[in-house]
Amino acid sequence: MTKLHSATKYLLAAALIGVFAAPASAASYYVMFNKQTKTCSISTTAPSETEKFSMMGIYGSEANAKMAMSGMTQCKG
């Protein structure tokens, strides 16, 4: 009975680690402002061309990024 109890503790610990590690691997969505074209866009990678793009924010979902972008004055062109 103690071996079963011990195995249950390890399974529970592994499940908890998986639950807390999953959000850390979630995708990020970046709202970027193109300084040349004066337009905004959403990307899953951070802007690397800092002379061309300004990063306007990082969001956990595409829906949140779209909602935030709709409220940004620079993105309403």
Protein backbone atom coordinates (compact mmCIF):
# COMPACT_ATOMS: atom_id res chain seq x y z
CA MET A 1 0.00 0.00 0.00
CA THR A 2 2.85 2.43 0.70
CA LYS A 3 4.32 1.91 -2.77
CA LEU A 4 0.99 2.82 -4.33
CA HIS A 5 0.74 5.90 -2.10
CA SER A 6 4.31 6.90 -3.02
CA ALA A 7 3.60 6.50 -6.75
CA THR A 8 0.45 8.62 -6.41
CA LYS A 9 2.47 11.46 -4.89
CA TYR A 10 4.92 11.37 -7.81
CA LEU A 11 2.12 11.35 -10.37
CA LEU A 12 0.44 14.29 -8.64
CA ALA A 13 3.72 16.22 -8.56
CA ALA A 14 4.31 15.55 -12.28
CA ALA A 15 0.78 16.69 -13.12
CA LEU A 16 1.20 19.92 -11.15
CA ILE A 17 4.50 20.66 -12.88
CA GLY A 18 2.82 20.14 -16.25
CA VAL A 19 -0.06 22.45 -15.36
CA PHE A 20 2.22 25.29 -14.30
CA ALA A 21 4.74 24.82 -17.12
CA ALA A 22 2.12 24.89 -19.91
CA PRO A 23 1.33 28.64 -19.69
CA ALA A 24 5.04 29.45 -19.85
CA SER A 25 5.24 27.88 -23.30
CA ALA A 26 2.17 29.69 -24.63
CA ALA A 27 2.60 31.84 -27.72
CA SER A 28 3.01 35.60 -27.46
CA TYR A 29 1.53 38.06 -29.91
CA TYR A 30 3.34 41.31 -30.64
CA VAL A 31 1.63 44.47 -31.87
CA MET A 32 4.09 46.37 -34.05
CA PHE A 33 3.92 49.81 -35.61
CA ASN A 34 5.68 50.19 -38.98
CA LYS A 35 7.29 53.65 -38.87
CA GLN A 36 7.59 53.86 -42.67
CA THR A 37 4.06 52.87 -43.71
CA LYS A 38 2.40 54.18 -40.51
CA THR A 39 0.44 50.93 -40.09
CA CYS A 40 0.14 48.35 -37.31
CA SER A 41 0.36 44.59 -37.51
CA ILE A 42 0.36 41.54 -35.25
CA SER A 43 3.21 39.04 -35.26
CA THR A 44 4.22 35.96 -33.27
CA THR A 45 7.87 37.05 -33.35
CA ALA A 46 9.33 40.15 -31.76
CA PRO A 47 10.38 42.90 -34.17
CA SER A 48 14.10 42.78 -34.91
CA GLU A 49 14.30 45.82 -37.18
CA THR A 50 14.01 48.52 -34.51
CA GLU A 51 14.62 51.32 -37.01
CA LYS A 52 11.57 50.21 -39.03
CA PHE A 53 9.24 48.94 -36.27
CA SER A 54 8.15 50.04 -32.81
CA MET A 55 6.81 47.37 -30.49
CA MET A 56 3.48 48.53 -29.09
CA GLY A 57 2.84 45.59 -26.73
CA ILE A 58 2.99 41.86 -26.02
CA TYR A 59 -0.24 39.90 -25.54
CA GLY A 60 -1.10 36.33 -24.59
CA SER A 61 -3.68 35.79 -27.32
CA GLU A 62 -4.36 37.07 -30.79
CA ALA A 63 -7.80 38.28 -29.68
CA ASN A 64 -6.24 40.41 -26.92
CA ALA A 65 -3.69 41.83 -29.36
CA LYS A 66 -6.45 42.77 -31.83
CA MET A 67 -8.51 44.39 -29.10
CA ALA A 68 -5.54 46.40 -27.85
CA MET A 69 -4.55 47.40 -31.39
CA SER A 70 -8.06 48.73 -32.07
CA GLY A 71 -7.65 51.15 -29.17
CA MET A 72 -4.21 52.47 -30.17
CA THR A 73 -4.32 55.88 -31.85
CA GLN A 74 -1.30 55.06 -34.05
CA CYS A 75 -3.11 52.02 -35.42
CA LYS A 76 -6.26 53.90 -36.49
CA GLY A 77 -4.83 55.23 -39.72
